[in-house]
Amino acid sequence: MTIEQETLSDALLRKFLLGKVHDEERARIEDLFLVHPETKQRVLEAEHDLTEDYLENSLTPPDREIFVSVFVRTAKQRQDLRIMQLIKECAASEAGLANARSRNSLRERLSLRPILLMPICLAIAIVIVIVIGWSNRTHQDRLAVERELAQLNAPASLREVSSQVISLELPPVTLRSAGGRVELNKGAGVQLVELRLPWFQKEPFSVCEAEIRRVGEDESFTIRYVLLEGQGNSAVRIRLPARLLRSGHYQIRLRGIAANGETGLTEEYQFIVRG
């Protein structure tokens, strides 16, 4: 285990999952997650413990609110939580049944317990394997995509010029004329899509958070700390890998981030991907 890995306490990993660490610390943990299997396992274990605390209603109200906003956003996440809750309820019921049967004769326990409990335990084991396998895979994939998006939208990366980038300007939904939907036709050689988003809010924000979602799907990806550009901080540029954009209708929400870290006003943009 490296020195960097040794500094990752359980408390720090819990803060990381709840978004309570600064950018440098978050980037360090994400890098370790992607490179070191031990760190990945510890993060996943910390996420499991956090979920257990949520199901047992032992989180503080602020942490519970953060947990819901991060881990209960999609239908799949809600389904996974429901399955875990059912597993806990089933286990509790079986424990109660075992205590009741302990008062019966040894013959009754030996004859009835295996018959009744083995199918239930087997079903629980199968569900646990499925849930853990899916959760690990989706969490890792999501973390990798958001890490890539953060790198693509760093100021240095946005200054790079490439012939494989296609640009598109999207007006806010509030200013879009009727029937004026913007369409993106991806070419075979396009690797990056750059979206130019005018920002008309008057609040003095210098940084935004961008959330990208394909309409009709629960999953979304977030790009944190995107700089506002232009005179008077009047526009945002974000870059997306073309491979992530499938045919369909997309929605982008920009949220201004105040100096104290709180999110503020929101602008919404939409576009359609063809091909």
C-alpha atoms as a PDB file:
ATOM      1  CA  MET A   1       0.000   0.000   0.000  1.00  0.00           C
ATOM      2  CA  THR A   2       1.400   3.410  -0.984  1.00  0.00           C
ATOM      3  CA  ILE A   3       1.700   6.418   1.345  1.00  0.00           C
ATOM      4  CA  GLU A   4      -1.126   8.098  -0.579  1.00  0.00           C
ATOM      5  CA  GLN A   5      -3.370   5.089  -0.014  1.00  0.00           C
ATOM      6  CA  GLU A   6      -2.523   5.008   3.688  1.00  0.00           C
ATOM      7  CA  THR A   7      -3.835   8.568   4.098  1.00  0.00           C
ATOM      8  CA  LEU A   8      -7.293   7.500   2.936  1.00  0.00           C
ATOM      9  CA  SER A   9      -9.112   7.029   6.214  1.00  0.00           C
ATOM     10  CA  ASP A  10     -12.666   5.707   6.362  1.00  0.00           C
ATOM     11  CA  ALA A  11     -13.841   9.138   7.472  1.00  0.00           C
ATOM     12  CA  LEU A  12     -12.163  10.776   4.460  1.00  0.00           C
ATOM     13  CA  LEU A  13     -13.722   8.285   2.026  1.00  0.00           C
ATOM     14  CA  ARG A  14     -17.117   8.969   3.572  1.00  0.00           C
ATOM     15  CA  LYS A  15     -16.621  12.726   3.087  1.00  0.00           C
ATOM     16  CA  PHE A  16     -15.533  12.038  -0.512  1.00  0.00           C
ATOM     17  CA  LEU A  17     -18.732  10.112  -1.255  1.00  0.00           C
ATOM     18  CA  LEU A  18     -20.815  12.921   0.248  1.00  0.00           C
ATOM     19  CA  GLY A  19     -18.975  15.584  -1.761  1.00  0.00           C
ATOM     20  CA  LYS A  20     -17.402  17.185   1.317  1.00  0.00           C
ATOM     21  CA  VAL A  21     -13.782  17.287   0.111  1.00  0.00           C
ATOM     22  CA  HIS A  22     -12.076  20.025  -1.874  1.00  0.00           C
ATOM     23  CA  ASP A  23     -11.279  19.624  -5.573  1.00  0.00           C
ATOM     24  CA  GLU A  24      -7.644  18.557  -5.137  1.00  0.00           C
ATOM     25  CA  GLU A  25      -8.550  15.855  -2.628  1.00  0.00           C
ATOM     26  CA  ARG A  26     -11.444  14.631  -4.789  1.00  0.00           C
ATOM     27  CA  ALA A  27      -9.191  14.389  -7.861  1.00  0.00           C
ATOM     28  CA  ARG A  28      -6.549  12.492  -5.830  1.00  0.00           C
ATOM     29  CA  ILE A  29      -9.058   9.927  -4.581  1.00  0.00           C
ATOM     30  CA  GLU A  30     -10.583   9.512  -8.046  1.00  0.00           C
ATOM     31  CA  ASP A  31      -7.121   8.871  -9.518  1.00  0.00           C
ATOM     32  CA  LEU A  32      -6.361   6.277  -6.842  1.00  0.00           C
ATOM     33  CA  PHE A  33      -9.782   4.682  -7.451  1.00  0.00           C
ATOM     34  CA  LEU A  34      -8.980   4.203 -11.137  1.00  0.00           C
ATOM     35  CA  VAL A  35      -5.398   2.973 -10.623  1.00  0.00           C
ATOM     36  CA  HIS A  36      -5.331   0.951  -7.389  1.00  0.00           C
ATOM     37  CA  PRO A  37      -7.709  -2.033  -6.897  1.00  0.00           C
ATOM     38  CA  GLU A  38      -7.343  -1.740  -3.107  1.00  0.00           C
ATOM     39  CA  THR A  39      -8.547   1.855  -3.148  1.00  0.00           C
ATOM     40  CA  LYS A  40     -11.427   0.943  -5.441  1.00  0.00           C
ATOM     41  CA  GLN A  41     -12.498  -1.794  -3.037  1.00  0.00           C
ATOM     42  CA  ARG A  42     -12.308   0.548  -0.056  1.00  0.00           C
ATOM     43  CA  VAL A  43     -14.394   3.212  -1.805  1.00  0.00           C
ATOM     44  CA  LEU A  44     -17.037   0.639  -2.727  1.00  0.00           C
ATOM     45  CA  GLU A  45     -17.062  -0.686   0.852  1.00  0.00           C
ATOM     46  CA  ALA A  46     -17.449   2.874   2.175  1.00  0.00           C
ATOM     47  CA  GLU A  47     -20.346   3.404  -0.237  1.00  0.00           C
ATOM     48  CA  HIS A  48     -21.969   0.174   1.003  1.00  0.00           C
ATOM     49  CA  ASP A  49     -21.589   1.282   4.640  1.00  0.00           C
ATOM     50  CA  LEU A  50     -23.059   4.676   3.781  1.00  0.00           C
ATOM     51  CA  THR A  51     -26.019   2.985   2.100  1.00  0.00           C
ATOM     52  CA  GLU A  52     -26.539   0.781   5.157  1.00  0.00           C
ATOM     53  CA  ASP A  53     -26.612   3.862   7.376  1.00  0.00           C
ATOM     54  CA  TYR A  54     -29.166   5.449   5.032  1.00  0.00           C
ATOM     55  CA  LEU A  55     -31.407   2.365   5.126  1.00  0.00           C
ATOM     56  CA  GLU A  56     -31.136   2.234   8.923  1.00  0.00           C
ATOM     57  CA  ASN A  57     -32.012   5.946   9.103  1.00  0.00           C
ATOM     58  CA  SER A  58     -28.842   6.699  11.056  1.00  0.00           C
ATOM     59  CA  LEU A  59     -27.537   9.528   8.849  1.00  0.00           C
ATOM     60  CA  THR A  60     -27.827  13.112   9.994  1.00  0.00           C
ATOM     61  CA  PRO A  61     -30.532  15.090   8.125  1.00  0.00           C
ATOM     62  CA  PRO A  62     -27.937  17.040   6.039  1.00  0.00           C
ATOM     63  CA  ASP A  63     -26.035  13.845   5.124  1.00  0.00           C
ATOM     64  CA  ARG A  64     -29.284  12.057   4.302  1.00  0.00           C
ATOM     65  CA  GLU A  65     -30.246  14.899   1.960  1.00  0.00           C
ATOM     66  CA  ILE A  66     -26.855  14.732   0.236  1.00  0.00           C
ATOM     67  CA  PHE A  67     -27.083  10.931  -0.033  1.00  0.00           C
ATOM     68  CA  VAL A  68     -30.469  11.161  -1.763  1.00  0.00           C
ATOM     69  CA  SER A  69     -29.222  13.788  -4.216  1.00  0.00           C
ATOM     70  CA  VAL A  70     -26.185  11.673  -5.154  1.00  0.00           C
ATOM     71  CA  PHE A  71     -27.232   8.020  -4.791  1.00  0.00           C
ATOM     72  CA  VAL A  72     -31.014   8.031  -5.293  1.00  0.00           C
ATOM     73  CA  ARG A  73     -31.228   9.986  -8.535  1.00  0.00           C
ATOM     74  CA  THR A  74     -32.050   7.251 -11.050  1.00  0.00           C
ATOM     75  CA  ALA A  75     -34.714   4.551 -11.243  1.00  0.00           C
ATOM     76  CA  LYS A  76     -31.976   1.894 -11.153  1.00  0.00           C
ATOM     77  CA  GLN A  77     -30.509   3.337  -7.963  1.00  0.00           C
ATOM     78  CA  ARG A  78     -33.944   3.435  -6.347  1.00  0.00           C
ATOM     79  CA  GLN A  79     -34.529  -0.184  -7.400  1.00  0.00           C
ATOM     80  CA  ASP A  80     -31.178  -1.268  -5.927  1.00  0.00           C
ATOM     81  CA  LEU A  81     -31.977   0.454  -2.640  1.00  0.00           C
ATOM     82  CA  ARG A  82     -35.378  -1.215  -2.531  1.00  0.00           C
ATOM     83  CA  ILE A  83     -33.776  -4.626  -3.097  1.00  0.00           C
ATOM     84  CA  MET A  84     -31.290  -3.986  -0.299  1.00  0.00           C
ATOM     85  CA  GLN A  85     -34.126  -2.902   1.979  1.00  0.00           C
ATOM     86  CA  LEU A  86     -36.046  -6.091   1.172  1.00  0.00           C
ATOM     87  CA  ILE A  87     -32.940  -8.151   1.922  1.00  0.00           C
ATOM     88  CA  LYS A  88     -32.596  -6.478   5.339  1.00  0.00           C
ATOM     89  CA  GLU A  89     -36.284  -6.989   6.085  1.00  0.00           C
ATOM     90  CA  CYS A  90     -36.083 -10.629   5.019  1.00  0.00           C
ATOM     91  CA  ALA A  91     -33.006 -11.191   7.165  1.00  0.00           C
ATOM     92  CA  ALA A  92     -34.727  -9.583  10.145  1.00  0.00           C
ATOM     93  CA  SER A  93     -37.795 -11.758   9.615  1.00  0.00           C
ATOM     94  CA  GLU A  94     -35.677 -14.883   9.418  1.00  0.00           C
ATOM     95  CA  ALA A  95     -33.887 -13.904  12.624  1.00  0.00           C
ATOM     96  CA  GLY A  96     -37.228 -13.512  14.359  1.00  0.00           C
ATOM     97  CA  LEU A  97     -38.396 -16.853  12.994  1.00  0.00           C
ATOM     98  CA  ALA A  98     -35.210 -18.524  14.213  1.00  0.00           C
ATOM     99  CA  ASN A  99     -35.691 -17.096  17.711  1.00  0.00           C
ATOM    100  CA  ALA A 100     -39.259 -18.372  17.807  1.00  0.00           C
ATOM    101  CA  ARG A 101     -38.199 -21.817  16.680  1.00  0.00           C
ATOM    102  CA  SER A 102     -35.465 -21.959  19.293  1.00  0.00           C
ATOM    103  CA  ARG A 103     -38.195 -22.675  21.782  1.00  0.00           C
ATOM    104  CA  ASN A 104     -39.241 -25.743  19.834  1.00  0.00           C
ATOM    105  CA  SER A 105     -37.698 -29.163  20.084  1.00  0.00           C
ATOM    106  CA  LEU A 106     -34.381 -30.003  18.435  1.00  0.00           C
ATOM    107  CA  ARG A 107     -36.221 -32.396  16.112  1.00  0.00           C
ATOM    108  CA  GLU A 108     -38.528 -29.631  14.841  1.00  0.00           C
ATOM    109  CA  ARG A 109     -35.620 -27.278  14.195  1.00  0.00           C
ATOM    110  CA  LEU A 110     -33.629 -29.902  12.344  1.00  0.00           C
ATOM    111  CA  SER A 111     -36.569 -30.968  10.193  1.00  0.00           C
ATOM    112  CA  LEU A 112     -38.135 -27.584   9.364  1.00  0.00           C
ATOM    113  CA  ARG A 113     -35.353 -24.985   9.349  1.00  0.00           C
ATOM    114  CA  PRO A 114     -33.326 -26.273   6.365  1.00  0.00           C
ATOM    115  CA  ILE A 115     -36.438 -26.760   4.239  1.00  0.00           C
ATOM    116  CA  LEU A 116     -37.761 -23.253   4.863  1.00  0.00           C
ATOM    117  CA  LEU A 117     -34.566 -21.236   5.079  1.00  0.00           C
ATOM    118  CA  MET A 118     -32.321 -22.672   2.350  1.00  0.00           C
ATOM    119  CA  PRO A 119     -34.365 -21.390  -0.646  1.00  0.00           C
ATOM    120  CA  ILE A 120     -34.716 -17.972   0.986  1.00  0.00           C
ATOM    121  CA  CYS A 121     -31.017 -17.729   1.787  1.00  0.00           C
ATOM    122  CA  LEU A 122     -30.122 -18.844  -1.722  1.00  0.00           C
ATOM    123  CA  ALA A 123     -32.409 -16.198  -3.226  1.00  0.00           C
ATOM    124  CA  ILE A 124     -30.903 -13.538  -0.968  1.00  0.00           C
ATOM    125  CA  ALA A 125     -27.374 -14.582  -1.946  1.00  0.00           C
ATOM    126  CA  ILE A 126     -28.209 -14.384  -5.668  1.00  0.00           C
ATOM    127  CA  VAL A 127     -29.765 -10.928  -5.286  1.00  0.00           C
ATOM    128  CA  ILE A 128     -26.773  -9.666  -3.299  1.00  0.00           C
ATOM    129  CA  VAL A 129     -24.332 -10.869  -5.977  1.00  0.00           C
ATOM    130  CA  ILE A 130     -26.375  -9.196  -8.728  1.00  0.00           C
ATOM    131  CA  VAL A 131     -26.767  -5.918  -6.846  1.00  0.00           C
ATOM    132  CA  ILE A 132     -23.099  -5.676  -5.832  1.00  0.00           C
ATOM    133  CA  GLY A 133     -21.874  -6.607  -9.312  1.00  0.00           C
ATOM    134  CA  TRP A 134     -24.115  -4.041 -11.016  1.00  0.00           C
ATOM    135  CA  SER A 135     -23.342  -1.334  -8.467  1.00  0.00           C
ATOM    136  CA  ASN A 136     -19.580  -1.799  -8.765  1.00  0.00           C
ATOM    137  CA  ARG A 137     -19.690  -1.711 -12.565  1.00  0.00           C
ATOM    138  CA  THR A 138     -21.981   1.298 -12.914  1.00  0.00           C
ATOM    139  CA  HIS A 139     -20.160   3.274 -10.232  1.00  0.00           C
ATOM    140  CA  GLN A 140     -16.796   2.639 -11.884  1.00  0.00           C
ATOM    141  CA  ASP A 141     -18.117   3.511 -15.358  1.00  0.00           C
ATOM    142  CA  ARG A 142     -19.756   6.702 -14.129  1.00  0.00           C
ATOM    143  CA  LEU A 143     -16.659   7.807 -12.244  1.00  0.00           C
ATOM    144  CA  ALA A 144     -14.487   7.209 -15.320  1.00  0.00           C
ATOM    145  CA  VAL A 145     -16.821   9.225 -17.589  1.00  0.00           C
ATOM    146  CA  GLU A 146     -17.067  12.175 -15.191  1.00  0.00           C
ATOM    147  CA  ARG A 147     -13.295  12.141 -14.727  1.00  0.00           C
ATOM    148  CA  GLU A 148     -12.872  12.288 -18.528  1.00  0.00           C
ATOM    149  CA  LEU A 149     -15.377  15.147 -18.751  1.00  0.00           C
ATOM    150  CA  ALA A 150     -13.511  17.076 -16.052  1.00  0.00           C
ATOM    151  CA  GLN A 151     -10.246  16.720 -17.967  1.00  0.00           C
ATOM    152  CA  LEU A 152     -11.828  17.719 -21.297  1.00  0.00           C
ATOM    153  CA  ASN A 153     -13.308  20.863 -19.744  1.00  0.00           C
ATOM    154  CA  ALA A 154     -10.280  22.032 -17.806  1.00  0.00           C
ATOM    155  CA  PRO A 155      -9.225  25.538 -18.958  1.00  0.00           C
ATOM    156  CA  ALA A 156      -6.041  24.220 -20.605  1.00  0.00           C
ATOM    157  CA  SER A 157      -7.968  21.603 -22.590  1.00  0.00           C
ATOM    158  CA  LEU A 158     -10.581  24.121 -23.762  1.00  0.00           C
ATOM    159  CA  ARG A 159      -7.792  26.283 -25.204  1.00  0.00           C
ATOM    160  CA  GLU A 160      -6.651  23.454 -27.471  1.00  0.00           C
ATOM    161  CA  VAL A 161      -7.743  23.660 -31.114  1.00  0.00           C
ATOM    162  CA  SER A 162      -8.563  20.511 -33.089  1.00  0.00           C
ATOM    163  CA  SER A 163     -10.026  19.772 -36.494  1.00  0.00           C
ATOM    164  CA  GLN A 164     -11.966  16.889 -34.930  1.00  0.00           C
ATOM    165  CA  VAL A 165     -14.142  19.232 -32.833  1.00  0.00           C
ATOM    166  CA  ILE A 166     -17.583  20.320 -34.028  1.00  0.00           C
ATOM    167  CA  SER A 167     -19.084  23.445 -32.404  1.00  0.00           C
ATOM    168  CA  LEU A 168     -22.719  24.202 -31.730  1.00  0.00           C
ATOM    169  CA  GLU A 169     -24.357  27.226 -30.068  1.00  0.00           C
ATOM    170  CA  LEU A 170     -27.445  26.569 -27.963  1.00  0.00           C
ATOM    171  CA  PRO A 171     -29.795  29.359 -26.891  1.00  0.00           C
ATOM    172  CA  PRO A 172     -31.409  28.998 -23.463  1.00  0.00           C
ATOM    173  CA  VAL A 173     -34.826  27.332 -23.531  1.00  0.00           C
ATOM    174  CA  THR A 174     -36.401  30.555 -22.223  1.00  0.00           C
ATOM    175  CA  LEU A 175     -35.190  32.450 -25.321  1.00  0.00           C
ATOM    176  CA  ARG A 176     -35.603  29.745 -27.951  1.00  0.00           C
ATOM    177  CA  SER A 177     -38.167  30.531 -30.632  1.00  0.00           C
ATOM    178  CA  ALA A 178     -40.963  28.069 -31.284  1.00  0.00           C
ATOM    179  CA  GLY A 179     -39.777  25.228 -33.477  1.00  0.00           C
ATOM    180  CA  GLY A 180     -36.175  26.415 -33.216  1.00  0.00           C
ATOM    181  CA  ARG A 181     -34.657  23.195 -31.950  1.00  0.00           C
ATOM    182  CA  VAL A 182     -30.926  22.906 -32.577  1.00  0.00           C
ATOM    183  CA  GLU A 183     -29.803  19.670 -34.194  1.00  0.00           C
ATOM    184  CA  LEU A 184     -26.381  18.051 -34.172  1.00  0.00           C
ATOM    185  CA  ASN A 185     -25.407  15.747 -37.041  1.00  0.00           C
ATOM    186  CA  LYS A 186     -22.287  13.845 -36.041  1.00  0.00           C
ATOM    187  CA  GLY A 187     -19.784  13.155 -38.785  1.00  0.00           C
ATOM    188  CA  ALA A 188     -17.672  10.014 -38.929  1.00  0.00           C
ATOM    189  CA  GLY A 189     -14.463  11.883 -38.074  1.00  0.00           C
ATOM    190  CA  VAL A 190     -15.845  13.936 -35.181  1.00  0.00           C
ATOM    191  CA  GLN A 191     -14.393  13.020 -31.790  1.00  0.00           C
ATOM    192  CA  LEU A 192     -15.474  16.003 -29.680  1.00  0.00           C
ATOM    193  CA  VAL A 193     -18.574  18.183 -29.588  1.00  0.00           C
ATOM    194  CA  GLU A 194     -18.181  21.714 -28.232  1.00  0.00           C
ATOM    195  CA  LEU A 195     -21.364  23.388 -27.008  1.00  0.00           C
ATOM    196  CA  ARG A 196     -21.448  27.169 -26.595  1.00  0.00           C
ATOM    197  CA  LEU A 197     -24.021  28.201 -24.010  1.00  0.00           C
ATOM    198  CA  PRO A 198     -24.901  31.903 -23.557  1.00  0.00           C
ATOM    199  CA  TRP A 199     -25.401  32.892 -19.901  1.00  0.00           C
ATOM    200  CA  PHE A 200     -27.835  35.739 -19.264  1.00  0.00           C
ATOM    201  CA  GLN A 201     -28.185  35.539 -15.489  1.00  0.00           C
ATOM    202  CA  LYS A 202     -27.219  38.768 -13.733  1.00  0.00           C
ATOM    203  CA  GLU A 203     -25.868  37.191 -10.559  1.00  0.00           C
ATOM    204  CA  PRO A 204     -22.042  37.600 -10.230  1.00  0.00           C
ATOM    205  CA  PHE A 205     -21.060  33.978 -10.866  1.00  0.00           C
ATOM    206  CA  SER A 206     -17.692  33.067 -12.368  1.00  0.00           C
ATOM    207  CA  VAL A 207     -18.102  29.278 -12.252  1.00  0.00           C
ATOM    208  CA  CYS A 208     -20.924  26.935 -13.240  1.00  0.00           C
ATOM    209  CA  GLU A 209     -21.878  23.289 -12.865  1.00  0.00           C
ATOM    210  CA  ALA A 210     -23.213  21.569 -16.001  1.00  0.00           C
ATOM    211  CA  GLU A 211     -25.544  18.552 -15.916  1.00  0.00           C
ATOM    212  CA  ILE A 212     -26.089  16.636 -19.185  1.00  0.00           C
ATOM    213  CA  ARG A 213     -29.020  14.252 -19.537  1.00  0.00           C
ATOM    214  CA  ARG A 214     -30.579  12.346 -22.409  1.00  0.00           C
ATOM    215  CA  VAL A 215     -34.330  13.000 -22.219  1.00  0.00           C
ATOM    216  CA  GLY A 216     -36.221   9.859 -21.209  1.00  0.00           C
ATOM    217  CA  GLU A 217     -33.327   8.441 -19.176  1.00  0.00           C
ATOM    218  CA  ASP A 218     -32.617   8.868 -15.475  1.00  0.00           C
ATOM    219  CA  GLU A 219     -28.820   8.801 -15.708  1.00  0.00           C
ATOM    220  CA  SER A 220     -26.990  12.094 -16.086  1.00  0.00           C
ATOM    221  CA  PHE A 221     -23.382  13.261 -16.058  1.00  0.00           C
ATOM    222  CA  THR A 222     -22.075  16.327 -14.250  1.00  0.00           C
ATOM    223  CA  ILE A 223     -19.186  18.625 -15.119  1.00  0.00           C
ATOM    224  CA  ARG A 224     -18.229  20.635 -12.051  1.00  0.00           C
ATOM    225  CA  TYR A 225     -16.532  24.012 -11.990  1.00  0.00           C
ATOM    226  CA  VAL A 226     -16.832  25.133 -15.615  1.00  0.00           C
ATOM    227  CA  LEU A 227     -15.532  28.676 -16.034  1.00  0.00           C
ATOM    228  CA  LEU A 228     -17.746  31.429 -17.427  1.00  0.00           C
ATOM    229  CA  GLU A 229     -16.071  33.256 -20.315  1.00  0.00           C
ATOM    230  CA  GLY A 230     -16.427  36.411 -22.371  1.00  0.00           C
ATOM    231  CA  GLN A 231     -17.123  39.973 -21.370  1.00  0.00           C
ATOM    232  CA  GLY A 232     -19.095  40.038 -18.153  1.00  0.00           C
ATOM    233  CA  ASN A 233     -18.967  36.234 -17.841  1.00  0.00           C
ATOM    234  CA  SER A 234     -21.601  35.876 -20.535  1.00  0.00           C
ATOM    235  CA  ALA A 235     -21.004  32.371 -21.916  1.00  0.00           C
ATOM    236  CA  VAL A 236     -19.926  28.824 -21.100  1.00  0.00           C
ATOM    237  CA  ARG A 237     -18.175  26.306 -23.312  1.00  0.00           C
ATOM    238  CA  ILE A 238     -18.320  22.593 -22.602  1.00  0.00           C
ATOM    239  CA  ARG A 239     -16.832  19.717 -24.567  1.00  0.00           C
ATOM    240  CA  LEU A 240     -18.299  16.224 -24.762  1.00  0.00           C
ATOM    241  CA  PRO A 241     -16.897  13.041 -26.342  1.00  0.00           C
ATOM    242  CA  ALA A 242     -18.938  12.368 -29.482  1.00  0.00           C
ATOM    243  CA  ARG A 243     -19.163   8.670 -28.607  1.00  0.00           C
ATOM    244  CA  LEU A 244     -21.289   9.484 -25.535  1.00  0.00           C
ATOM    245  CA  LEU A 245     -23.971  11.216 -27.599  1.00  0.00           C
ATOM    246  CA  ARG A 246     -26.487   8.770 -29.015  1.00  0.00           C
ATOM    247  CA  SER A 247     -29.400   9.744 -31.221  1.00  0.00           C
ATOM    248  CA  GLY A 248     -32.050  11.494 -29.191  1.00  0.00           C
ATOM    249  CA  HIS A 249     -33.063  14.631 -27.340  1.00  0.00           C
ATOM    250  CA  TYR A 250     -30.600  16.062 -24.805  1.00  0.00           C
ATOM    251  CA  GLN A 251     -31.015  18.532 -21.962  1.00  0.00           C
ATOM    252  CA  ILE A 252     -28.306  20.596 -20.282  1.00  0.00           C
ATOM    253  CA  ARG A 253     -28.729  22.500 -17.018  1.00  0.00           C
ATOM    254  CA  LEU A 254     -26.210  25.123 -15.957  1.00  0.00           C
ATOM    255  CA  ARG A 255     -26.113  26.126 -12.301  1.00  0.00           C
ATOM    256  CA  GLY A 256     -24.111  29.087 -11.088  1.00  0.00           C
ATOM    257  CA  ILE A 257     -21.788  28.327  -8.162  1.00  0.00           C
ATOM    258  CA  ALA A 258     -21.322  31.076  -5.581  1.00  0.00           C
ATOM    259  CA  ALA A 259     -18.069  31.808  -3.747  1.00  0.00           C
ATOM    260  CA  ASN A 260     -19.291  29.799  -0.728  1.00  0.00           C
ATOM    261  CA  GLY A 261     -19.865  26.717  -2.902  1.00  0.00           C
ATOM    262  CA  GLU A 262     -23.653  26.935  -2.977  1.00  0.00           C
ATOM    263  CA  THR A 263     -25.422  26.523  -6.328  1.00  0.00           C
ATOM    264  CA  GLY A 264     -27.599  29.347  -7.562  1.00  0.00           C
ATOM    265  CA  LEU A 265     -29.652  30.244 -10.616  1.00  0.00           C
ATOM    266  CA  THR A 266     -30.148  27.780 -13.458  1.00  0.00           C
ATOM    267  CA  GLU A 267     -30.319  28.027 -17.250  1.00  0.00           C
ATOM    268  CA  GLU A 268     -31.595  25.154 -19.387  1.00  0.00           C
ATOM    269  CA  TYR A 269     -30.564  24.238 -22.931  1.00  0.00           C
ATOM    270  CA  GLN A 270     -31.697  21.495 -25.309  1.00  0.00           C
ATOM    271  CA  PHE A 271     -30.480  19.943 -28.545  1.00  0.00           C
ATOM    272  CA  ILE A 272     -31.143  16.908 -30.729  1.00  0.00           C
ATOM    273  CA  VAL A 273     -28.527  14.411 -31.918  1.00  0.00           C
ATOM    274  CA  ARG A 274     -28.987  12.749 -35.292  1.00  0.00           C
ATOM    275  CA  GLY A 275     -27.015   9.850 -36.655  1.00  0.00           C
END
